[in-house]
């Protein structure tokens, strides 16, 4: 996940676009911080909100990439044991 307000450079370096609202911790103030930013964008910048939704809906959330990564990892581990 790449935060829309804080991770543009990191997302670009990884070849992605920002795609959500991150927050640290699992406590009420942290959740409030993330939700307030999301709600603020929804009400105050609908064009950015719609673009963010489009990026998220267009992303590949399938298991194909992670499954391939695991198969590759296991294959390499098995080759090292021979």
PDB file of N, CA and C in Angstrom:
ATOM      1  N   UNK A   1       0.854  -1.173   0.000  1.00  0.00           N
ATOM      2  CA  UNK A   1       0.000   0.000   0.000  1.00  0.00           C
ATOM      3  C   UNK A   1       0.895   1.229   0.000  1.00  0.00           C
ATOM      4  N   UNK A   2       0.519   2.182  -0.807  1.00  0.00           N
ATOM      5  CA  UNK A   2       1.244   3.442  -0.904  1.00  0.00           C
ATOM      6  C   UNK A   2       0.277   4.584  -0.579  1.00  0.00           C
ATOM      7  N   UNK A   3       0.554   5.274   0.491  1.00  0.00           N
ATOM      8  CA  UNK A   3      -0.313   6.341   0.975  1.00  0.00           C
ATOM      9  C   UNK A   3      -0.392   7.502  -0.017  1.00  0.00           C
ATOM     10  N   UNK A   4      -1.602   8.001  -0.246  1.00  0.00           N
ATOM     11  CA  UNK A   4      -1.805   9.070  -1.223  1.00  0.00           C
ATOM     12  C   UNK A   4      -1.149  10.381  -0.804  1.00  0.00           C
ATOM     13  N   UNK A   5      -0.980  10.596   0.481  1.00  0.00           N
ATOM     14  CA  UNK A   5      -0.400  11.858   0.961  1.00  0.00           C
ATOM     15  C   UNK A   5       1.092  11.778   1.235  1.00  0.00           C
ATOM     16  N   UNK A   6       1.620  10.588   1.489  1.00  0.00           N
ATOM     17  CA  UNK A   6       2.991  10.497   1.987  1.00  0.00           C
ATOM     18  C   UNK A   6       3.919   9.594   1.170  1.00  0.00           C
ATOM     19  N   UNK A   7       3.418   8.835   0.229  1.00  0.00           N
ATOM     20  CA  UNK A   7       4.250   7.824  -0.428  1.00  0.00           C
ATOM     21  C   UNK A   7       4.380   7.962  -1.938  1.00  0.00           C
ATOM     22  N   UNK A   8       4.157   9.141  -2.477  1.00  0.00           N
ATOM     23  CA  UNK A   8       4.204   9.283  -3.942  1.00  0.00           C
ATOM     24  C   UNK A   8       5.573   8.924  -4.496  1.00  0.00           C
ATOM     25  N   UNK A   9       6.642   9.394  -3.877  1.00  0.00           N
ATOM     26  CA  UNK A   9       7.991   9.107  -4.374  1.00  0.00           C
ATOM     27  C   UNK A   9       8.310   7.615  -4.249  1.00  0.00           C
ATOM     28  N   UNK A  10       7.942   7.008  -3.125  1.00  0.00           N
ATOM     29  CA  UNK A  10       8.206   5.583  -2.915  1.00  0.00           C
ATOM     30  C   UNK A  10       7.408   4.736  -3.914  1.00  0.00           C
ATOM     31  N   UNK A  11       6.162   5.115  -4.161  1.00  0.00           N
ATOM     32  CA  UNK A  11       5.342   4.388  -5.134  1.00  0.00           C
ATOM     33  C   UNK A  11       5.940   4.498  -6.534  1.00  0.00           C
ATOM     34  N   UNK A  12       6.343   5.691  -6.911  1.00  0.00           N
ATOM     35  CA  UNK A  12       6.934   5.906  -8.227  1.00  0.00           C
ATOM     36  C   UNK A  12       8.211   5.089  -8.386  1.00  0.00           C
ATOM     37  N   UNK A  13       9.047   5.060  -7.345  1.00  0.00           N
ATOM     38  CA  UNK A  13      10.296   4.291  -7.396  1.00  0.00           C
ATOM     39  C   UNK A  13      10.032   2.795  -7.556  1.00  0.00           C
ATOM     40  N   UNK A  14       8.903   2.327  -7.031  1.00  0.00           N
ATOM     41  CA  UNK A  14       8.545   0.907  -7.137  1.00  0.00           C
ATOM     42  C   UNK A  14       7.745   0.611  -8.407  1.00  0.00           C
ATOM     43  N   UNK A  15       7.453   1.644  -9.194  1.00  0.00           N
ATOM     44  CA  UNK A  15       6.695   1.447 -10.429  1.00  0.00           C
ATOM     45  C   UNK A  15       5.195   1.413 -10.235  1.00  0.00           C
ATOM     46  N   UNK A  16       4.710   1.987  -9.138  1.00  0.00           N
ATOM     47  CA  UNK A  16       3.279   1.992  -8.842  1.00  0.00           C
ATOM     48  C   UNK A  16       2.786   3.417  -8.648  1.00  0.00           C
ATOM     49  N   UNK A  17       1.492   3.537  -8.428  1.00  0.00           N
ATOM     50  CA  UNK A  17       0.882   4.809  -8.045  1.00  0.00           C
ATOM     51  C   UNK A  17       0.355   4.670  -6.624  1.00  0.00           C
ATOM     52  N   UNK A  18       0.106   5.792  -5.981  1.00  0.00           N
ATOM     53  CA  UNK A  18      -0.471   5.729  -4.644  1.00  0.00           C
ATOM     54  C   UNK A  18      -1.833   5.066  -4.713  1.00  0.00           C
ATOM     55  N   UNK A  19      -2.223   4.388  -3.613  1.00  0.00           N
ATOM     56  CA  UNK A  19      -3.453   3.603  -3.699  1.00  0.00           C
ATOM     57  C   UNK A  19      -4.228   3.493  -2.395  1.00  0.00           C
ATOM     58  N   UNK A  20      -4.046   4.413  -1.467  1.00  0.00           N
ATOM     59  CA  UNK A  20      -4.843   4.316  -0.255  1.00  0.00           C
ATOM     60  C   UNK A  20      -4.396   5.256   0.842  1.00  0.00           C
ATOM     61  N   UNK A  21      -4.928   5.006   2.018  1.00  0.00           N
ATOM     62  CA  UNK A  21      -4.647   5.818   3.194  1.00  0.00           C
ATOM     63  C   UNK A  21      -4.067   4.923   4.281  1.00  0.00           C
ATOM     64  N   UNK A  22      -2.807   5.111   4.578  1.00  0.00           N
ATOM     65  CA  UNK A  22      -2.131   4.299   5.597  1.00  0.00           C
ATOM     66  C   UNK A  22      -2.158   5.028   6.936  1.00  0.00           C
ATOM     67  N   UNK A  23      -2.049   4.259   8.000  1.00  0.00           N
ATOM     68  CA  UNK A  23      -1.916   4.842   9.334  1.00  0.00           C
ATOM     69  C   UNK A  23      -1.160   3.866  10.203  1.00  0.00           C
ATOM     70  N   UNK A  24      -0.431   4.404  11.159  1.00  0.00           N
ATOM     71  CA  UNK A  24       0.372   3.580  12.064  1.00  0.00           C
ATOM     72  C   UNK A  24      -0.440   3.221  13.291  1.00  0.00           C
ATOM     73  N   UNK A  25      -0.317   1.998  13.712  1.00  0.00           N
ATOM     74  CA  UNK A  25      -0.987   1.568  14.927  1.00  0.00           C
ATOM     75  C   UNK A  25      -2.385   1.061  14.683  1.00  0.00           C
ATOM     76  N   UNK A  26      -2.926   0.466  15.730  1.00  0.00           N
ATOM     77  CA  UNK A  26      -4.286  -0.071  15.669  1.00  0.00           C
ATOM     78  C   UNK A  26      -5.131   0.542  16.774  1.00  0.00           C
ATOM     79  N   UNK A  27      -4.810   1.765  17.121  1.00  0.00           N
ATOM     80  CA  UNK A  27      -5.546   2.445  18.179  1.00  0.00           C
ATOM     81  C   UNK A  27      -6.510   3.463  17.571  1.00  0.00           C
ATOM     82  N   UNK A  28      -7.475   3.925  18.349  1.00  0.00           N
ATOM     83  CA  UNK A  28      -8.473   4.859  17.802  1.00  0.00           C
ATOM     84  C   UNK A  28      -7.888   6.119  17.161  1.00  0.00           C
ATOM     85  N   UNK A  29      -6.883   6.782  17.740  1.00  0.00           N
ATOM     86  CA  UNK A  29      -6.355   7.974  17.066  1.00  0.00           C
ATOM     87  C   UNK A  29      -5.737   7.670  15.693  1.00  0.00           C
ATOM     88  N   UNK A  30      -5.067   6.535  15.568  1.00  0.00           N
ATOM     89  CA  UNK A  30      -4.465   6.188  14.277  1.00  0.00           C
ATOM     90  C   UNK A  30      -5.546   5.925  13.235  1.00  0.00           C
ATOM     91  N   UNK A  31      -6.561   5.171  13.606  1.00  0.00           N
ATOM     92  CA  UNK A  31      -7.669   4.902  12.699  1.00  0.00           C
ATOM     93  C   UNK A  31      -8.393   6.194  12.337  1.00  0.00           C
ATOM     94  N   UNK A  32      -8.590   7.056  13.307  1.00  0.00           N
ATOM     95  CA  UNK A  32      -9.240   8.342  13.082  1.00  0.00           C
ATOM     96  C   UNK A  32      -8.460   9.177  12.067  1.00  0.00           C
ATOM     97  N   UNK A  33      -7.132   9.142  12.186  1.00  0.00           N
ATOM     98  CA  UNK A  33      -6.274   9.875  11.250  1.00  0.00           C
ATOM     99  C   UNK A  33      -6.510   9.400   9.813  1.00  0.00           C
ATOM    100  N   UNK A  34      -6.473   8.092   9.594  1.00  0.00           N
ATOM    101  CA  UNK A  34      -6.681   7.558   8.248  1.00  0.00           C
ATOM    102  C   UNK A  34      -8.078   7.831   7.722  1.00  0.00           C
ATOM    103  N   UNK A  35      -9.068   7.606   8.548  1.00  0.00           N
ATOM    104  CA  UNK A  35     -10.458   7.829   8.114  1.00  0.00           C
ATOM    105  C   UNK A  35     -10.736   9.290   7.811  1.00  0.00           C
ATOM    106  N   UNK A  36     -10.217  10.189   8.637  1.00  0.00           N
ATOM    107  CA  UNK A  36     -10.437  11.618   8.388  1.00  0.00           C
ATOM    108  C   UNK A  36      -9.824  12.063   7.070  1.00  0.00           C
ATOM    109  N   UNK A  37      -8.662  11.533   6.740  1.00  0.00           N
ATOM    110  CA  UNK A  37      -8.048  11.891   5.455  1.00  0.00           C
ATOM    111  C   UNK A  37      -8.871  11.339   4.303  1.00  0.00           C
ATOM    112  N   UNK A  38      -9.362  10.105   4.425  1.00  0.00           N
ATOM    113  CA  UNK A  38     -10.179   9.509   3.356  1.00  0.00           C
ATOM    114  C   UNK A  38     -11.492  10.270   3.193  1.00  0.00           C
ATOM    115  N   UNK A  39     -12.159  10.550   4.288  1.00  0.00           N
ATOM    116  CA  UNK A  39     -13.430  11.282   4.232  1.00  0.00           C
ATOM    117  C   UNK A  39     -13.213  12.683   3.692  1.00  0.00           C
ATOM    118  N   UNK A  40     -12.113  13.307   4.103  1.00  0.00           N
ATOM    119  CA  UNK A  40     -11.798  14.645   3.595  1.00  0.00           C
ATOM    120  C   UNK A  40     -11.615  14.651   2.090  1.00  0.00           C
ATOM    121  N   UNK A  41     -10.925  13.658   1.561  1.00  0.00           N
ATOM    122  CA  UNK A  41     -10.746  13.600   0.112  1.00  0.00           C
ATOM    123  C   UNK A  41     -12.088  13.352  -0.573  1.00  0.00           C
ATOM    124  N   UNK A  42     -12.898  12.466  -0.002  1.00  0.00           N
ATOM    125  CA  UNK A  42     -14.200  12.164  -0.592  1.00  0.00           C
ATOM    126  C   UNK A  42     -15.055  13.424  -0.722  1.00  0.00           C
ATOM    127  N   UNK A  43     -15.093  14.241   0.320  1.00  0.00           N
ATOM    128  CA  UNK A  43     -15.946  15.429   0.301  1.00  0.00           C
ATOM    129  C   UNK A  43     -15.307  16.649  -0.354  1.00  0.00           C
ATOM    130  N   UNK A  44     -13.980  16.776  -0.268  1.00  0.00           N
ATOM    131  CA  UNK A  44     -13.336  18.012  -0.710  1.00  0.00           C
ATOM    132  C   UNK A  44     -12.595  17.918  -2.034  1.00  0.00           C
ATOM    133  N   UNK A  45     -12.337  16.716  -2.504  1.00  0.00           N
ATOM    134  CA  UNK A  45     -11.584  16.552  -3.745  1.00  0.00           C
ATOM    135  C   UNK A  45     -12.087  15.311  -4.474  1.00  0.00           C
ATOM    136  N   UNK A  46     -13.303  15.389  -4.962  1.00  0.00           N
ATOM    137  CA  UNK A  46     -13.951  14.225  -5.572  1.00  0.00           C
ATOM    138  C   UNK A  46     -13.176  13.715  -6.786  1.00  0.00           C
ATOM    139  N   UNK A  47     -12.539  14.591  -7.525  1.00  0.00           N
ATOM    140  CA  UNK A  47     -11.771  14.151  -8.687  1.00  0.00           C
ATOM    141  C   UNK A  47     -10.625  13.223  -8.256  1.00  0.00           C
ATOM    142  N   UNK A  48      -9.905  13.598  -7.200  1.00  0.00           N
ATOM    143  CA  UNK A  48      -8.823  12.743  -6.692  1.00  0.00           C
ATOM    144  C   UNK A  48      -9.382  11.445  -6.125  1.00  0.00           C
ATOM    145  N   UNK A  49     -10.516  11.530  -5.436  1.00  0.00           N
ATOM    146  CA  UNK A  49     -11.151  10.338  -4.881  1.00  0.00           C
ATOM    147  C   UNK A  49     -11.519   9.356  -5.997  1.00  0.00           C
ATOM    148  N   UNK A  50     -12.133   9.867  -7.054  1.00  0.00           N
ATOM    149  CA  UNK A  50     -12.531   9.010  -8.171  1.00  0.00           C
ATOM    150  C   UNK A  50     -11.307   8.384  -8.852  1.00  0.00           C
ATOM    151  N   UNK A  51     -10.233   9.171  -8.983  1.00  0.00           N
ATOM    152  CA  UNK A  51      -9.007   8.635  -9.574  1.00  0.00           C
ATOM    153  C   UNK A  51      -8.417   7.541  -8.689  1.00  0.00           C
ATOM    154  N   UNK A  52      -8.430   7.756  -7.382  1.00  0.00           N
ATOM    155  CA  UNK A  52      -7.932   6.752  -6.444  1.00  0.00           C
ATOM    156  C   UNK A  52      -8.763   5.470  -6.534  1.00  0.00           C
ATOM    157  N   UNK A  53     -10.065   5.615  -6.574  1.00  0.00           N
ATOM    158  CA  UNK A  53     -10.941   4.439  -6.711  1.00  0.00           C
ATOM    159  C   UNK A  53     -10.660   3.699  -8.006  1.00  0.00           C
ATOM    160  N   UNK A  54     -10.456   4.440  -9.078  1.00  0.00           N
ATOM    161  CA  UNK A  54     -10.146   3.807 -10.365  1.00  0.00           C
ATOM    162  C   UNK A  54      -8.837   3.034 -10.317  1.00  0.00           C
ATOM    163  N   UNK A  55      -7.816   3.620  -9.673  1.00  0.00           N
ATOM    164  CA  UNK A  55      -6.533   2.917  -9.555  1.00  0.00           C
ATOM    165  C   UNK A  55      -6.688   1.638  -8.742  1.00  0.00           C
ATOM    166  N   UNK A  56      -7.440   1.720  -7.657  1.00  0.00           N
ATOM    167  CA  UNK A  56      -7.624   0.537  -6.802  1.00  0.00           C
ATOM    168  C   UNK A  56      -8.424  -0.550  -7.511  1.00  0.00           C
ATOM    169  N   UNK A  57      -9.459  -0.158  -8.225  1.00  0.00           N
ATOM    170  CA  UNK A  57     -10.273  -1.155  -8.924  1.00  0.00           C
ATOM    171  C   UNK A  57      -9.548  -1.747 -10.123  1.00  0.00           C
ATOM    172  N   UNK A  58      -8.597  -1.008 -10.683  1.00  0.00           N
ATOM    173  CA  UNK A  58      -7.855  -1.505 -11.828  1.00  0.00           C
ATOM    174  C   UNK A  58      -6.623  -2.317 -11.456  1.00  0.00           C
ATOM    175  N   UNK A  59      -6.309  -2.376 -10.165  1.00  0.00           N
ATOM    176  CA  UNK A  59      -5.126  -3.117  -9.717  1.00  0.00           C
ATOM    177  C   UNK A  59      -5.366  -4.621  -9.772  1.00  0.00           C
ATOM    178  N   UNK A  60      -4.293  -5.353  -9.951  1.00  0.00           N
ATOM    179  CA  UNK A  60      -4.372  -6.814  -9.972  1.00  0.00           C
ATOM    180  C   UNK A  60      -4.268  -7.320  -8.532  1.00  0.00           C
ATOM    181  N   UNK A  61      -5.387  -7.719  -7.955  1.00  0.00           N
ATOM    182  CA  UNK A  61      -5.421  -8.218  -6.580  1.00  0.00           C
ATOM    183  C   UNK A  61      -5.477  -9.743  -6.550  1.00  0.00           C
ATOM    184  N   UNK A  62      -5.199 -10.367  -7.692  1.00  0.00           N
ATOM    185  CA  UNK A  62      -5.268 -11.823  -7.761  1.00  0.00           C
ATOM    186  C   UNK A  62      -4.102 -12.455  -7.010  1.00  0.00           C
ATOM    187  N   UNK A  63      -4.182 -13.761  -6.848  1.00  0.00           N
ATOM    188  CA  UNK A  63      -3.122 -14.510  -6.169  1.00  0.00           C
ATOM    189  C   UNK A  63      -2.046 -14.963  -7.137  1.00  0.00           C
ATOM    190  N   UNK A  64      -2.159 -14.630  -8.432  1.00  0.00           N
ATOM    191  CA  UNK A  64      -1.193 -15.120  -9.409  1.00  0.00           C
ATOM    192  C   UNK A  64       0.234 -14.684  -9.064  1.00  0.00           C
ATOM    193  N   UNK A  65       0.452 -13.404  -8.835  1.00  0.00           N
ATOM    194  CA  UNK A  65       1.795 -12.903  -8.526  1.00  0.00           C
ATOM    195  C   UNK A  65       2.350 -13.478  -7.230  1.00  0.00           C
ATOM    196  N   UNK A  66       1.602 -13.386  -6.108  1.00  0.00           N
ATOM    197  CA  UNK A  66       2.107 -13.975  -4.860  1.00  0.00           C
ATOM    198  C   UNK A  66       2.319 -15.477  -4.954  1.00  0.00           C
ATOM    199  N   UNK A  67       1.442 -16.196  -5.647  1.00  0.00           N
ATOM    200  CA  UNK A  67       1.609 -17.645  -5.779  1.00  0.00           C
ATOM    201  C   UNK A  67       2.884 -17.962  -6.553  1.00  0.00           C
ATOM    202  N   UNK A  68       3.146 -17.222  -7.611  1.00  0.00           N
ATOM    203  CA  UNK A  68       4.363 -17.430  -8.384  1.00  0.00           C
ATOM    204  C   UNK A  68       5.599 -17.142  -7.539  1.00  0.00           C
ATOM    205  N   UNK A  69       5.531 -16.093  -6.724  1.00  0.00           N
ATOM    206  CA  UNK A  69       6.654 -15.777  -5.829  1.00  0.00           C
ATOM    207  C   UNK A  69       6.928 -16.922  -4.864  1.00  0.00           C
ATOM    208  N   UNK A  70       5.880 -17.494  -4.274  1.00  0.00           N
ATOM    209  CA  UNK A  70       6.054 -18.611  -3.342  1.00  0.00           C
ATOM    210  C   UNK A  70       6.605 -19.850  -4.043  1.00  0.00           C
ATOM    211  N   UNK A  71       6.087 -20.162  -5.226  1.00  0.00           N
ATOM    212  CA  UNK A  71       6.579 -21.325  -5.968  1.00  0.00           C
ATOM    213  C   UNK A  71       8.066 -21.144  -6.273  1.00  0.00           C
ATOM    214  N   UNK A  72       8.447 -19.951  -6.702  1.00  0.00           N
ATOM    215  CA  UNK A  72       9.852 -19.670  -6.994  1.00  0.00           C
ATOM    216  C   UNK A  72      10.706 -19.812  -5.749  1.00  0.00           C
ATOM    217  N   UNK A  73      10.242 -19.280  -4.638  1.00  0.00           N
ATOM    218  CA  UNK A  73      10.973 -19.382  -3.381  1.00  0.00           C
ATOM    219  C   UNK A  73      11.148 -20.835  -2.958  1.00  0.00           C
ATOM    220  N   UNK A  74      10.081 -21.608  -3.003  1.00  0.00           N
ATOM    221  CA  UNK A  74      10.161 -23.015  -2.617  1.00  0.00           C
ATOM    222  C   UNK A  74      11.064 -23.803  -3.569  1.00  0.00           C
ATOM    223  N   UNK A  75      10.986 -23.505  -4.872  1.00  0.00           N
ATOM    224  CA  UNK A  75      11.824 -24.186  -5.833  1.00  0.00           C
ATOM    225  C   UNK A  75      13.297 -23.913  -5.554  1.00  0.00           C
ATOM    226  N   UNK A  76      13.628 -22.649  -5.297  1.00  0.00           N
ATOM    227  CA  UNK A  76      15.020 -22.292  -4.995  1.00  0.00           C
ATOM    228  C   UNK A  76      15.496 -22.963  -3.705  1.00  0.00           C
ATOM    229  N   UNK A  77      14.628 -23.023  -2.713  1.00  0.00           N
ATOM    230  CA  UNK A  77      14.989 -23.688  -1.453  1.00  0.00           C
ATOM    231  C   UNK A  77      15.235 -25.177  -1.687  1.00  0.00           C
ATOM    232  N   UNK A  78      14.399 -25.797  -2.503  1.00  0.00           N
ATOM    233  CA  UNK A  78      14.579 -27.230  -2.794  1.00  0.00           C
ATOM    234  C   UNK A  78      15.859 -27.476  -3.571  1.00  0.00           C
ATOM    235  N   UNK A  79      16.215 -26.584  -4.473  1.00  0.00           N
ATOM    236  CA  UNK A  79      17.445 -26.740  -5.244  1.00  0.00           C
ATOM    237  C   UNK A  79      18.670 -26.629  -4.339  1.00  0.00           C
ATOM    238  N   UNK A  80      18.579 -25.811  -3.316  1.00  0.00           N
ATOM    239  CA  UNK A  80      19.692 -25.634  -2.388  1.00  0.00           C
ATOM    240  C   UNK A  80      19.918 -26.839  -1.505  1.00  0.00           C
ATOM    241  N   UNK A  81      18.941 -27.700  -1.366  1.00  0.00           N
ATOM    242  CA  UNK A  81      19.035 -28.873  -0.494  1.00  0.00           C
ATOM    243  C   UNK A  81      19.636 -30.092  -1.210  1.00  0.00           C
ATOM    244  N   UNK A  82      19.739 -30.009  -2.529  1.00  0.00           N
ATOM    245  CA  UNK A  82      20.222 -31.167  -3.293  1.00  0.00           C
ATOM    246  C   UNK A  82      21.700 -31.315  -3.180  1.00  0.00           C
TER     247      UNK A  82
END
